[in-house]
Amino acid sequence: MARKRIEVEAGSGNVFADLGYPDARERSLKVELAMGRRNRGQSPIAVSRLSSGGHWQ
């Protein structure tokens, strides 16, 4: 059986950007916050500022 060559393209590190979402950074940040990667050791106020882009809504 002959092996087929598969082309591989390196990702940007943001799956939403790779898929072409216009709000890719925001989506990625929301996932990181939900997974607890960004809010370790930070106050709830600091976390909310991260998730709102630094703006109070």
Protein backbone atom coordinates (compact mmCIF):
# COMPACT_ATOMS: atom_id res chain seq x y z
CA MET A 1 0.00 0.00 0.00
CA ALA A 2 1.44 3.35 -1.05
CA ARG A 3 1.63 6.07 1.56
CA LYS A 4 -0.07 9.38 0.84
CA ARG A 5 1.64 12.63 1.66
CA ILE A 6 -0.39 14.87 3.91
CA GLU A 7 0.20 18.61 3.84
CA VAL A 8 0.42 20.17 7.28
CA GLU A 9 0.14 23.86 8.00
CA ALA A 10 1.31 25.31 11.32
CA GLY A 11 -1.41 27.01 13.33
CA SER A 12 -1.21 30.49 14.77
CA GLY A 13 -1.89 29.30 18.32
CA ASN A 14 -5.44 30.68 18.15
CA VAL A 15 -7.87 28.21 16.60
CA PHE A 16 -10.50 30.93 16.15
CA ALA A 17 -8.08 33.07 14.10
CA ASP A 18 -7.13 30.03 12.05
CA LEU A 19 -10.83 29.47 11.30
CA GLY A 20 -11.28 33.12 10.26
CA TYR A 21 -13.44 34.48 13.08
CA PRO A 22 -13.29 38.31 13.16
CA ASP A 23 -13.47 38.32 16.99
CA ALA A 24 -10.88 35.57 17.40
CA ARG A 25 -8.94 37.25 20.21
CA GLU A 26 -12.09 37.78 22.28
CA ARG A 27 -13.23 34.19 21.77
CA SER A 28 -9.83 32.84 22.71
CA LEU A 29 -9.72 34.98 25.86
CA LYS A 30 -13.17 33.76 26.91
CA VAL A 31 -12.02 30.15 26.54
CA GLU A 32 -8.87 30.85 28.56
CA LEU A 33 -10.93 32.49 31.31
CA ALA A 34 -13.38 29.59 31.36
CA MET A 35 -10.51 27.12 31.60
CA GLY A 36 -8.96 29.09 34.49
CA ARG A 37 -5.66 29.81 32.76
CA ARG A 38 -5.74 33.56 33.11
CA ASN A 39 -7.38 34.13 36.47
CA ARG A 40 -5.10 32.16 38.77
CA GLY A 41 -4.00 34.45 41.55
CA GLN A 42 -5.96 37.44 40.27
CA SER A 43 -8.84 39.21 41.93
CA PRO A 44 -12.34 38.96 40.42
CA ILE A 45 -12.05 42.64 39.41
CA ALA A 46 -8.83 42.00 37.48
CA VAL A 47 -10.42 39.01 35.75
CA SER A 48 -13.50 41.03 34.76
CA ARG A 49 -11.26 43.75 33.35
CA LEU A 50 -9.48 41.15 31.23
CA SER A 51 -12.74 39.75 29.93
CA SER A 52 -14.20 43.17 29.10
CA GLY A 53 -11.06 44.49 27.44
CA GLY A 54 -10.37 46.82 30.38
CA HIS A 55 -13.68 48.63 30.04
CA TRP A 56 -16.46 48.55 32.59
CA GLN A 57 -19.79 47.92 30.95
